[in-house]
N, C-alpha and C. Protein backbone atom coordinates (compact mmCIF):
# COMPACT_ATOMS: atom_id res chain seq x y z
N MET A 1 45.58 103.21 93.13
CA MET A 1 45.66 102.60 91.81
C MET A 1 46.93 101.82 91.69
N SER A 2 46.86 100.59 91.32
CA SER A 2 48.05 99.76 91.19
C SER A 2 48.69 100.04 89.86
N ARG A 3 50.04 99.86 89.89
CA ARG A 3 50.82 100.00 88.67
C ARG A 3 51.55 98.68 88.39
N THR A 4 51.62 98.41 87.14
CA THR A 4 52.38 97.21 86.72
C THR A 4 53.82 97.50 86.80
N PRO A 5 54.61 96.76 87.52
CA PRO A 5 56.05 96.97 87.64
C PRO A 5 56.69 96.92 86.29
N HIS A 6 57.60 97.85 86.08
CA HIS A 6 58.36 97.85 84.81
C HIS A 6 59.51 96.89 84.96
N THR A 7 59.62 95.94 84.05
CA THR A 7 60.64 94.99 84.06
C THR A 7 61.48 95.10 82.86
N LYS A 8 62.78 94.71 82.95
CA LYS A 8 63.68 94.73 81.82
C LYS A 8 64.26 93.36 81.59
N THR A 9 64.21 92.97 80.34
CA THR A 9 64.78 91.64 80.03
C THR A 9 66.25 91.65 80.47
N PRO A 10 66.73 90.67 81.23
CA PRO A 10 68.09 90.70 81.74
C PRO A 10 69.17 90.86 80.64
N GLU A 11 68.98 90.23 79.52
CA GLU A 11 70.08 90.28 78.54
C GLU A 11 69.95 91.39 77.54
N THR A 12 68.93 92.30 77.79
CA THR A 12 68.74 93.42 76.79
C THR A 12 69.50 94.56 77.31
N ALA A 13 70.29 95.20 76.41
CA ALA A 13 71.10 96.37 76.77
C ALA A 13 70.20 97.58 76.96
N PRO A 14 70.55 98.49 77.78
CA PRO A 14 69.81 99.74 77.99
C PRO A 14 69.79 100.48 76.63
N ALA A 15 68.74 101.30 76.42
CA ALA A 15 68.69 102.04 75.16
C ALA A 15 69.88 102.90 74.99
N GLY A 16 70.48 102.85 73.82
CA GLY A 16 71.68 103.67 73.57
C GLY A 16 72.94 103.09 74.20
N GLY A 17 72.84 101.99 74.93
CA GLY A 17 74.05 101.40 75.58
C GLY A 17 74.50 100.25 74.84
N LYS A 18 75.55 99.52 75.46
CA LYS A 18 76.10 98.39 74.85
C LYS A 18 75.81 97.17 75.73
N ALA A 19 75.67 96.01 75.18
CA ALA A 19 75.48 94.82 75.94
C ALA A 19 76.67 94.55 76.86
N PRO A 20 76.44 93.95 78.00
CA PRO A 20 77.51 93.58 78.87
C PRO A 20 78.56 92.75 78.19
N ASP A 21 79.86 92.97 78.46
CA ASP A 21 80.91 92.25 77.85
C ASP A 21 81.35 91.16 78.83
N PRO A 22 81.09 89.86 78.49
CA PRO A 22 81.50 88.76 79.39
C PRO A 22 83.01 88.70 79.61
N ALA A 23 83.73 89.01 78.54
CA ALA A 23 85.18 88.97 78.65
C ALA A 23 85.72 89.98 79.71
N ARG A 24 85.10 91.16 79.75
CA ARG A 24 85.55 92.22 80.70
C ARG A 24 85.13 91.76 82.14
N ARG A 25 83.94 91.17 82.27
CA ARG A 25 83.56 90.69 83.57
C ARG A 25 84.44 89.59 84.03
N SER A 26 84.88 88.70 83.14
CA SER A 26 85.79 87.58 83.46
C SER A 26 87.09 88.11 83.93
N ASP A 27 87.60 89.15 83.20
CA ASP A 27 88.91 89.71 83.51
C ASP A 27 88.84 90.42 84.85
N ARG A 28 87.76 91.11 85.17
CA ARG A 28 87.60 91.79 86.47
C ARG A 28 87.59 90.70 87.57
N SER A 29 86.94 89.63 87.38
CA SER A 29 86.86 88.56 88.35
C SER A 29 88.22 87.97 88.62
N ARG A 30 88.99 87.70 87.54
CA ARG A 30 90.32 87.12 87.69
C ARG A 30 91.21 88.04 88.47
N ARG A 31 91.17 89.34 88.15
CA ARG A 31 91.98 90.29 88.78
C ARG A 31 91.60 90.39 90.27
N ALA A 32 90.31 90.37 90.56
CA ALA A 32 89.86 90.44 91.98
C ALA A 32 90.34 89.17 92.77
N ILE A 33 90.30 88.06 92.13
CA ILE A 33 90.78 86.80 92.78
C ILE A 33 92.28 86.91 93.07
N LEU A 34 93.10 87.37 92.12
CA LEU A 34 94.50 87.47 92.30
C LEU A 34 94.87 88.49 93.39
N ASP A 35 94.16 89.60 93.38
CA ASP A 35 94.35 90.62 94.38
C ASP A 35 94.01 90.07 95.79
N ALA A 36 92.92 89.33 95.85
CA ALA A 36 92.48 88.82 97.10
C ALA A 36 93.47 87.82 97.64
N ALA A 37 94.07 86.96 96.79
CA ALA A 37 95.02 85.97 97.22
C ALA A 37 96.29 86.65 97.75
N LEU A 38 96.73 87.69 97.10
CA LEU A 38 97.92 88.38 97.56
C LEU A 38 97.68 89.05 98.91
N ALA A 39 96.50 89.70 99.07
CA ALA A 39 96.19 90.37 100.29
C ALA A 39 96.06 89.36 101.41
N LEU A 40 95.40 88.27 101.22
CA LEU A 40 95.11 87.32 102.31
C LEU A 40 96.36 86.61 102.73
N VAL A 41 97.24 86.20 101.78
CA VAL A 41 98.46 85.49 102.22
C VAL A 41 99.28 86.35 103.05
N GLY A 42 99.27 87.68 102.85
CA GLY A 42 100.01 88.55 103.70
C GLY A 42 99.38 88.71 105.11
N GLU A 43 98.08 88.56 105.13
CA GLU A 43 97.30 88.76 106.42
C GLU A 43 97.31 87.47 107.30
N VAL A 44 97.09 86.29 106.67
CA VAL A 44 96.92 85.11 107.47
C VAL A 44 97.98 84.05 107.22
N GLY A 45 98.86 84.21 106.22
CA GLY A 45 99.88 83.22 105.95
C GLY A 45 99.34 82.11 105.02
N TYR A 46 100.24 81.36 104.46
CA TYR A 46 99.90 80.34 103.50
C TYR A 46 99.03 79.22 104.08
N ASN A 47 99.45 78.71 105.26
CA ASN A 47 98.74 77.60 105.88
C ASN A 47 97.27 77.86 106.13
N LYS A 48 96.90 79.06 106.46
CA LYS A 48 95.52 79.44 106.78
C LYS A 48 94.78 80.02 105.58
N LEU A 49 95.53 80.15 104.48
CA LEU A 49 94.84 80.57 103.25
C LEU A 49 93.96 79.52 102.67
N THR A 50 92.76 79.86 102.31
CA THR A 50 91.83 78.88 101.71
C THR A 50 91.16 79.47 100.46
N ILE A 51 90.78 78.56 99.58
CA ILE A 51 90.03 79.00 98.36
C ILE A 51 88.74 79.73 98.80
N GLU A 52 88.07 79.23 99.81
CA GLU A 52 86.83 79.84 100.26
C GLU A 52 87.06 81.27 100.72
N ALA A 53 88.20 81.50 101.41
CA ALA A 53 88.47 82.89 101.88
C ALA A 53 88.83 83.81 100.67
N ILE A 54 89.58 83.24 99.74
CA ILE A 54 89.90 84.06 98.54
C ILE A 54 88.60 84.45 97.78
N ALA A 55 87.68 83.41 97.65
CA ALA A 55 86.44 83.66 96.92
C ALA A 55 85.63 84.74 97.63
N ALA A 56 85.56 84.68 98.97
CA ALA A 56 84.79 85.62 99.76
C ALA A 56 85.36 87.02 99.58
N ARG A 57 86.68 87.16 99.71
CA ARG A 57 87.36 88.47 99.59
C ARG A 57 87.11 89.01 98.10
N ALA A 58 87.19 88.13 97.14
CA ALA A 58 87.07 88.59 95.72
C ALA A 58 85.62 88.80 95.36
N GLY A 59 84.65 88.28 96.12
CA GLY A 59 83.28 88.49 95.72
C GLY A 59 82.84 87.57 94.63
N VAL A 60 83.42 86.35 94.59
CA VAL A 60 83.01 85.34 93.58
C VAL A 60 82.75 84.04 94.26
N GLY A 61 82.15 83.11 93.58
CA GLY A 61 81.97 81.77 94.11
C GLY A 61 83.24 80.98 94.00
N LYS A 62 83.41 80.02 94.90
CA LYS A 62 84.66 79.27 94.84
C LYS A 62 84.75 78.40 93.57
N GLN A 63 83.61 78.03 93.03
CA GLN A 63 83.70 77.26 91.80
C GLN A 63 84.25 78.14 90.58
N THR A 64 84.10 79.44 90.73
CA THR A 64 84.74 80.27 89.74
C THR A 64 86.25 80.18 89.77
N ILE A 65 86.75 80.10 91.02
CA ILE A 65 88.19 79.93 91.16
C ILE A 65 88.66 78.58 90.63
N TYR A 66 87.93 77.49 90.99
CA TYR A 66 88.33 76.19 90.56
C TYR A 66 88.19 76.02 89.03
N ARG A 67 87.42 76.90 88.40
CA ARG A 67 87.32 76.76 86.91
C ARG A 67 88.59 77.24 86.31
N TRP A 68 89.38 78.06 87.00
CA TRP A 68 90.63 78.59 86.40
C TRP A 68 91.89 78.01 87.06
N TRP A 69 91.80 77.62 88.31
CA TRP A 69 93.01 77.15 89.04
C TRP A 69 92.66 75.88 89.86
N PRO A 70 93.59 74.95 89.95
CA PRO A 70 93.29 73.71 90.67
C PRO A 70 93.54 73.80 92.20
N SER A 71 94.27 74.81 92.64
CA SER A 71 94.64 74.94 94.00
C SER A 71 94.97 76.37 94.36
N LYS A 72 95.08 76.64 95.71
CA LYS A 72 95.44 77.91 96.19
C LYS A 72 96.89 78.26 95.75
N ALA A 73 97.74 77.20 95.68
CA ALA A 73 99.12 77.50 95.25
C ALA A 73 99.17 77.99 93.82
N ALA A 74 98.33 77.43 92.97
CA ALA A 74 98.27 77.86 91.57
C ALA A 74 97.73 79.27 91.45
N VAL A 75 96.79 79.64 92.33
CA VAL A 75 96.33 81.00 92.32
C VAL A 75 97.47 82.00 92.71
N LEU A 76 98.21 81.56 93.77
CA LEU A 76 99.33 82.44 94.17
C LEU A 76 100.37 82.57 93.10
N LEU A 77 100.63 81.47 92.37
CA LEU A 77 101.63 81.59 91.33
C LEU A 77 101.26 82.61 90.27
N ASP A 78 99.97 82.54 89.81
CA ASP A 78 99.56 83.53 88.84
C ASP A 78 99.47 84.96 89.46
N ALA A 79 99.14 85.02 90.74
CA ALA A 79 99.11 86.34 91.39
C ALA A 79 100.53 86.88 91.46
N SER A 80 101.52 86.05 91.76
CA SER A 80 102.88 86.55 91.79
C SER A 80 103.40 87.01 90.46
N LEU A 81 102.99 86.28 89.41
CA LEU A 81 103.35 86.65 88.07
C LEU A 81 102.77 87.99 87.70
N ALA A 82 101.47 88.22 88.08
CA ALA A 82 100.88 89.49 87.81
C ALA A 82 101.49 90.59 88.61
N LEU A 83 101.90 90.25 89.80
CA LEU A 83 102.54 91.33 90.69
C LEU A 83 103.88 91.70 90.11
N ALA A 84 104.62 90.69 89.62
CA ALA A 84 105.96 90.96 89.09
C ALA A 84 105.85 91.91 87.84
N GLY A 85 104.86 91.64 86.96
CA GLY A 85 104.67 92.43 85.84
C GLY A 85 105.82 92.32 84.84
N ASP A 86 105.79 93.18 83.83
CA ASP A 86 106.83 93.26 82.82
C ASP A 86 107.41 94.64 82.69
N ALA A 87 108.59 94.71 82.27
CA ALA A 87 109.27 96.04 82.04
C ALA A 87 109.78 96.10 80.58
N PRO A 88 108.82 96.40 79.68
CA PRO A 88 109.19 96.36 78.25
C PRO A 88 110.25 97.34 77.88
N THR A 89 111.18 96.98 77.03
CA THR A 89 112.16 97.86 76.53
C THR A 89 111.63 98.48 75.25
N ALA A 90 112.48 99.32 74.62
CA ALA A 90 112.01 100.08 73.44
C ALA A 90 111.64 99.15 72.33
N ASP A 91 112.30 97.98 72.24
CA ASP A 91 112.01 97.05 71.15
C ASP A 91 110.90 96.09 71.51
N GLY A 92 110.26 96.31 72.65
CA GLY A 92 109.08 95.43 73.02
C GLY A 92 109.54 94.24 73.79
N ARG A 93 110.77 94.05 74.04
CA ARG A 93 111.23 92.89 74.84
C ARG A 93 111.48 93.32 76.34
N THR A 94 111.68 92.36 77.15
CA THR A 94 112.01 92.68 78.51
C THR A 94 113.47 92.34 78.70
N GLY A 95 114.14 93.12 79.53
CA GLY A 95 115.58 92.88 79.76
C GLY A 95 116.12 93.75 80.83
N LEU A 96 117.35 93.40 81.21
CA LEU A 96 118.08 94.18 82.20
C LEU A 96 118.61 95.49 81.53
N PRO A 97 118.88 96.53 82.29
CA PRO A 97 119.50 97.72 81.70
C PRO A 97 120.82 97.48 81.03
N ASP A 98 121.15 98.13 80.00
CA ASP A 98 122.47 97.91 79.37
C ASP A 98 122.94 99.28 78.99
N THR A 99 123.71 99.90 79.93
CA THR A 99 124.25 101.21 79.75
C THR A 99 125.69 101.17 79.24
N GLY A 100 126.24 99.92 79.24
CA GLY A 100 127.65 99.74 78.92
C GLY A 100 128.47 99.56 80.16
N ASP A 101 127.94 99.87 81.32
CA ASP A 101 128.59 99.71 82.64
C ASP A 101 127.94 98.45 83.29
N LEU A 102 128.56 97.26 83.15
CA LEU A 102 128.03 96.07 83.65
C LEU A 102 127.72 96.09 85.14
N ALA A 103 128.69 96.50 85.92
CA ALA A 103 128.59 96.54 87.41
C ALA A 103 127.43 97.44 87.83
N ALA A 104 127.36 98.61 87.19
CA ALA A 104 126.30 99.57 87.57
C ALA A 104 124.87 99.00 87.19
N ASP A 105 124.85 98.33 86.05
CA ASP A 105 123.54 97.83 85.64
C ASP A 105 123.09 96.65 86.58
N LEU A 106 124.02 95.81 86.94
CA LEU A 106 123.73 94.72 87.82
C LEU A 106 123.29 95.25 89.24
N LYS A 107 124.04 96.25 89.64
CA LYS A 107 123.71 96.81 91.00
C LYS A 107 122.28 97.41 90.99
N GLN A 108 121.89 98.08 89.86
CA GLN A 108 120.60 98.70 89.86
C GLN A 108 119.54 97.63 89.96
N VAL A 109 119.73 96.51 89.26
CA VAL A 109 118.74 95.43 89.30
C VAL A 109 118.68 94.69 90.59
N LEU A 110 119.89 94.46 91.25
CA LEU A 110 119.92 93.69 92.45
C LEU A 110 119.31 94.59 93.57
N ARG A 111 119.56 95.89 93.50
CA ARG A 111 119.02 96.79 94.51
C ARG A 111 117.43 96.75 94.44
N ALA A 112 116.97 96.73 93.23
CA ALA A 112 115.48 96.62 93.07
C ALA A 112 114.98 95.28 93.59
N THR A 113 115.73 94.21 93.44
CA THR A 113 115.38 92.92 93.96
C THR A 113 115.38 92.96 95.49
N VAL A 114 116.33 93.58 96.11
CA VAL A 114 116.34 93.79 97.54
C VAL A 114 115.14 94.48 98.05
N ASP A 115 114.71 95.54 97.32
CA ASP A 115 113.56 96.32 97.68
C ASP A 115 112.31 95.44 97.62
N GLU A 116 112.21 94.58 96.59
CA GLU A 116 111.06 93.68 96.49
C GLU A 116 111.05 92.68 97.62
N PHE A 117 112.13 92.04 97.91
CA PHE A 117 112.24 91.12 99.03
C PHE A 117 111.84 91.75 100.35
N ASN A 118 112.17 93.01 100.45
CA ASN A 118 111.84 93.68 101.76
C ASN A 118 110.41 94.29 101.79
N ASP A 119 109.69 94.18 100.70
CA ASP A 119 108.35 94.71 100.55
C ASP A 119 107.35 93.61 100.93
N PRO A 120 106.57 93.71 102.00
CA PRO A 120 105.59 92.62 102.39
C PRO A 120 104.72 92.14 101.22
N ALA A 121 104.40 93.05 100.29
CA ALA A 121 103.52 92.70 99.20
C ALA A 121 104.10 91.60 98.32
N TYR A 122 105.43 91.61 98.22
CA TYR A 122 106.18 90.61 97.46
C TYR A 122 106.62 89.45 98.35
N ASP A 123 107.07 89.80 99.56
CA ASP A 123 107.67 88.79 100.42
C ASP A 123 106.65 87.67 100.81
N ALA A 124 105.47 88.01 101.19
CA ALA A 124 104.52 86.97 101.62
C ALA A 124 104.17 85.95 100.52
N PRO A 125 103.73 86.40 99.39
CA PRO A 125 103.40 85.34 98.38
C PRO A 125 104.62 84.55 97.88
N LEU A 126 105.80 85.20 97.78
CA LEU A 126 106.99 84.45 97.36
C LEU A 126 107.39 83.39 98.40
N ARG A 127 107.29 83.74 99.67
CA ARG A 127 107.63 82.74 100.71
C ARG A 127 106.59 81.63 100.68
N ALA A 128 105.33 81.98 100.41
CA ALA A 128 104.30 80.92 100.37
C ALA A 128 104.56 79.97 99.20
N LEU A 129 104.88 80.53 98.04
CA LEU A 129 105.18 79.66 96.91
C LEU A 129 106.43 78.82 97.11
N THR A 130 107.44 79.40 97.75
CA THR A 130 108.66 78.65 98.06
C THR A 130 108.35 77.45 98.95
N ALA A 131 107.57 77.74 100.00
CA ALA A 131 107.19 76.64 100.96
C ALA A 131 106.32 75.62 100.28
N ALA A 132 105.36 76.00 99.48
CA ALA A 132 104.49 75.04 98.79
C ALA A 132 105.25 74.23 97.79
N GLY A 133 106.21 74.87 97.09
CA GLY A 133 107.03 74.13 96.10
C GLY A 133 107.94 73.09 96.70
N ALA A 134 108.30 73.28 97.97
CA ALA A 134 109.20 72.32 98.62
C ALA A 134 108.50 70.96 98.77
N THR A 135 107.20 70.91 98.82
CA THR A 135 106.48 69.64 98.95
C THR A 135 105.59 69.28 97.76
N ASP A 136 105.63 70.21 96.75
CA ASP A 136 104.79 69.99 95.57
C ASP A 136 105.67 70.11 94.34
N PRO A 137 106.26 69.01 93.82
CA PRO A 137 107.19 69.06 92.73
C PRO A 137 106.55 69.63 91.45
N GLU A 138 105.28 69.41 91.23
CA GLU A 138 104.63 69.98 90.03
C GLU A 138 104.55 71.44 90.10
N LEU A 139 104.19 71.99 91.33
CA LEU A 139 104.11 73.47 91.46
C LEU A 139 105.52 74.07 91.34
N ALA A 140 106.55 73.38 91.93
CA ALA A 140 107.90 73.87 91.85
C ALA A 140 108.37 73.96 90.42
N ALA A 141 108.01 72.95 89.59
CA ALA A 141 108.39 72.94 88.20
C ALA A 141 107.71 74.14 87.49
N ARG A 142 106.47 74.35 87.75
CA ARG A 142 105.76 75.51 87.09
C ARG A 142 106.27 76.83 87.57
N PHE A 143 106.66 76.95 88.82
CA PHE A 143 107.23 78.19 89.38
C PHE A 143 108.53 78.44 88.65
N THR A 144 109.36 77.41 88.48
CA THR A 144 110.65 77.59 87.81
C THR A 144 110.51 77.97 86.35
N GLU A 145 109.54 77.28 85.69
CA GLU A 145 109.31 77.50 84.27
C GLU A 145 108.75 78.92 83.99
N ARG A 146 107.86 79.38 84.76
CA ARG A 146 107.10 80.51 84.45
C ARG A 146 107.66 81.79 85.07
N LEU A 147 108.31 81.67 86.26
CA LEU A 147 108.81 82.85 86.98
C LEU A 147 110.27 82.91 87.08
N LEU A 148 110.92 81.82 87.59
CA LEU A 148 112.34 81.86 87.86
C LEU A 148 113.19 81.79 86.60
N ALA A 149 112.96 80.80 85.71
CA ALA A 149 113.78 80.65 84.57
C ALA A 149 113.81 81.87 83.67
N PRO A 150 112.67 82.54 83.37
CA PRO A 150 112.77 83.72 82.57
C PRO A 150 113.58 84.82 83.18
N GLN A 151 113.53 84.90 84.54
CA GLN A 151 114.32 85.96 85.21
C GLN A 151 115.82 85.64 85.10
N LEU A 152 116.11 84.40 85.29
CA LEU A 152 117.59 84.00 85.15
C LEU A 152 118.04 84.28 83.74
N ALA A 153 117.21 84.00 82.74
CA ALA A 153 117.61 84.20 81.37
C ALA A 153 117.93 85.73 81.09
N LEU A 154 117.24 86.60 81.78
CA LEU A 154 117.50 88.01 81.57
C LEU A 154 118.91 88.35 82.03
N TYR A 155 119.31 87.75 83.18
CA TYR A 155 120.67 88.01 83.69
C TYR A 155 121.67 87.42 82.71
N GLU A 156 121.47 86.25 82.29
CA GLU A 156 122.37 85.60 81.38
C GLU A 156 122.53 86.44 80.02
N ASP A 157 121.41 86.95 79.56
CA ASP A 157 121.42 87.77 78.32
C ASP A 157 122.31 89.03 78.56
N ARG A 158 122.19 89.67 79.75
CA ARG A 158 123.00 90.86 79.97
C ARG A 158 124.48 90.50 80.08
N LEU A 159 124.73 89.42 80.77
CA LEU A 159 126.14 88.98 80.89
C LEU A 159 126.71 88.59 79.54
N ARG A 160 125.88 87.98 78.73
CA ARG A 160 126.34 87.61 77.39
C ARG A 160 126.74 88.83 76.55
N SER A 161 125.94 89.89 76.66
CA SER A 161 126.27 91.17 75.97
C SER A 161 127.58 91.70 76.46
N ALA A 162 127.82 91.61 77.82
CA ALA A 162 129.07 92.11 78.33
C ALA A 162 130.27 91.23 77.89
N ARG A 163 130.03 89.98 77.80
CA ARG A 163 131.09 89.10 77.26
C ARG A 163 131.44 89.36 75.83
N ALA A 164 130.41 89.70 75.03
CA ALA A 164 130.59 89.94 73.60
C ALA A 164 131.45 91.24 73.34
N VAL A 165 131.44 92.10 74.28
CA VAL A 165 132.23 93.38 74.08
C VAL A 165 133.54 93.33 74.92
N GLY A 166 133.88 92.18 75.47
CA GLY A 166 135.13 91.99 76.13
C GLY A 166 135.14 92.38 77.61
N GLN A 167 133.94 92.68 78.22
CA GLN A 167 133.94 93.01 79.63
C GLN A 167 134.03 91.83 80.54
N LEU A 168 133.82 90.58 79.96
CA LEU A 168 133.99 89.35 80.72
C LEU A 168 134.87 88.38 79.85
N ALA A 169 135.51 87.52 80.56
CA ALA A 169 136.36 86.53 79.83
C ALA A 169 135.55 85.68 78.89
N GLU A 170 136.13 85.34 77.79
CA GLU A 170 135.44 84.55 76.76
C GLU A 170 134.89 83.27 77.32
N GLY A 171 135.56 82.61 78.26
CA GLY A 171 135.01 81.38 78.84
C GLY A 171 134.20 81.54 80.09
N ALA A 172 133.76 82.77 80.40
CA ALA A 172 132.96 83.00 81.61
C ALA A 172 131.66 82.18 81.58
N ASP A 173 131.41 81.48 82.66
CA ASP A 173 130.19 80.67 82.75
C ASP A 173 129.04 81.60 83.20
N LEU A 174 128.18 81.92 82.32
CA LEU A 174 127.15 82.90 82.57
C LEU A 174 126.11 82.41 83.54
N ARG A 175 125.76 81.10 83.44
CA ARG A 175 124.73 80.59 84.37
C ARG A 175 125.34 80.56 85.79
N LEU A 176 126.60 80.23 85.92
CA LEU A 176 127.22 80.20 87.24
C LEU A 176 127.26 81.64 87.86
N MET A 177 127.64 82.60 86.97
CA MET A 177 127.69 84.01 87.49
C MET A 177 126.29 84.43 87.97
N THR A 178 125.27 84.10 87.14
CA THR A 178 123.90 84.43 87.56
C THR A 178 123.56 83.85 88.94
N GLU A 179 123.86 82.60 89.15
CA GLU A 179 123.52 82.00 90.41
C GLU A 179 124.37 82.51 91.57
N MET A 180 125.62 82.94 91.25
CA MET A 180 126.46 83.55 92.29
C MET A 180 125.91 84.90 92.70
N LEU A 181 125.27 85.56 91.77
CA LEU A 181 124.63 86.84 92.09
C LEU A 181 123.36 86.70 92.86
N LEU A 182 122.51 85.78 92.50
CA LEU A 182 121.18 85.67 93.10
C LEU A 182 121.15 84.66 94.25
N GLY A 183 122.03 83.70 94.25
CA GLY A 183 122.01 82.67 95.32
C GLY A 183 122.15 83.25 96.74
N PRO A 184 123.23 84.04 97.02
CA PRO A 184 123.38 84.58 98.37
C PRO A 184 122.27 85.54 98.70
N LEU A 185 121.77 86.30 97.76
CA LEU A 185 120.65 87.23 98.02
C LEU A 185 119.43 86.43 98.48
N THR A 186 119.09 85.35 97.73
CA THR A 186 117.98 84.50 98.02
C THR A 186 118.08 83.82 99.35
N TYR A 187 119.29 83.33 99.59
CA TYR A 187 119.58 82.58 100.82
C TYR A 187 119.38 83.50 102.05
N ARG A 188 119.91 84.73 101.97
CA ARG A 188 119.78 85.67 103.11
C ARG A 188 118.29 86.07 103.29
N TRP A 189 117.57 86.21 102.21
CA TRP A 189 116.13 86.56 102.31
C TRP A 189 115.36 85.42 102.89
N LEU A 190 115.57 84.18 102.35
CA LEU A 190 114.77 83.04 102.74
C LEU A 190 114.95 82.65 104.23
N LEU A 191 116.21 82.57 104.59
CA LEU A 191 116.54 82.14 105.94
C LEU A 191 116.62 83.24 107.03
N ARG A 192 116.62 84.52 106.50
CA ARG A 192 116.66 85.67 107.37
C ARG A 192 117.97 85.65 108.20
N THR A 193 119.05 85.24 107.60
CA THR A 193 120.31 85.20 108.28
C THR A 193 120.89 86.58 108.63
N ALA A 194 120.49 87.57 107.80
CA ALA A 194 120.99 88.97 108.04
C ALA A 194 120.03 89.88 107.22
N PRO A 195 119.98 91.18 107.62
CA PRO A 195 119.15 92.05 106.84
C PRO A 195 119.64 92.19 105.40
N LEU A 196 118.70 92.35 104.47
CA LEU A 196 119.04 92.58 103.07
C LEU A 196 119.18 94.08 102.85
N SER A 197 120.20 94.49 102.13
CA SER A 197 120.51 95.89 101.98
C SER A 197 121.08 96.15 100.58
N HIS A 198 121.07 97.39 100.16
CA HIS A 198 121.69 97.76 98.92
C HIS A 198 123.20 97.56 98.96
N ALA A 199 123.81 97.76 100.13
CA ALA A 199 125.18 97.54 100.30
C ALA A 199 125.59 96.10 100.08
N PHE A 200 124.81 95.19 100.51
CA PHE A 200 125.04 93.77 100.30
C PHE A 200 124.91 93.42 98.82
N ALA A 201 123.92 93.97 98.16
CA ALA A 201 123.74 93.77 96.74
C ALA A 201 124.96 94.27 95.96
N ASP A 202 125.39 95.45 96.27
CA ASP A 202 126.61 96.03 95.62
C ASP A 202 127.83 95.14 95.85
N ALA A 203 128.01 94.63 97.06
CA ALA A 203 129.17 93.82 97.34
C ALA A 203 129.12 92.52 96.52
N LEU A 204 127.90 91.99 96.37
CA LEU A 204 127.82 90.77 95.56
C LEU A 204 128.25 91.05 94.16
N VAL A 205 127.76 92.14 93.54
CA VAL A 205 128.14 92.41 92.17
C VAL A 205 129.60 92.62 92.05
N ASP A 206 130.22 93.41 92.96
CA ASP A 206 131.67 93.61 92.90
C ASP A 206 132.47 92.34 92.95
N ALA A 207 132.03 91.43 93.90
CA ALA A 207 132.77 90.18 94.01
C ALA A 207 132.61 89.29 92.83
N VAL A 208 131.41 89.18 92.29
CA VAL A 208 131.20 88.29 91.12
C VAL A 208 131.89 88.85 89.85
N VAL A 209 131.75 90.13 89.60
CA VAL A 209 132.38 90.70 88.43
C VAL A 209 133.90 90.66 88.46
N ALA A 210 134.42 90.79 89.67
CA ALA A 210 135.82 90.75 89.87
C ALA A 210 136.45 89.43 89.54
N THR A 211 135.71 88.36 89.74
CA THR A 211 136.25 87.00 89.53
C THR A 211 135.93 86.53 88.14
N ALA A 212 135.20 87.25 87.33
CA ALA A 212 134.85 86.79 85.94
C ALA A 212 135.99 87.01 84.98
């Protein structure tokens, strides 16, 4: 005896259940795409990274990616921002630690930066974005605006607090101090001139604070 197959209208929610949430599906797809981009750039490098490969790894169509991002570099930028995340303080803002000991606070943050630079999960996408930005001024500007400038501002805010309580000279150039802290670290990481270490980070802080 034949039976009529039971069918369910695609858009009808199961009894007692809720209808699918398109926003949640969209968020899951975006997260999968960002995770796929980070994983793949570490595996194959930036030059061999393709939108098609990212789509395949994420389990989405490539048009889904192009609906949100114009290029693989743009995907990597958002993936790096998601990877960096936020560290909210008690008042809901983000900032560097402020224990009252400027050198100790800066060493804590620079040591964490060294650990990130030495972590392949951070190293590969950041190198890819740096390389892409060297030939793509628009991407470089977006990278600076969305990732680099906010981080530099956090250092300047912490140094400004130190200056306000007399730990730095009144005329201390906060932007210059920030670049003196991060410039050598970035140079050593980018060009691999020497291993990055906590000792190097500490030495940078001591040298910069001593001259302020």
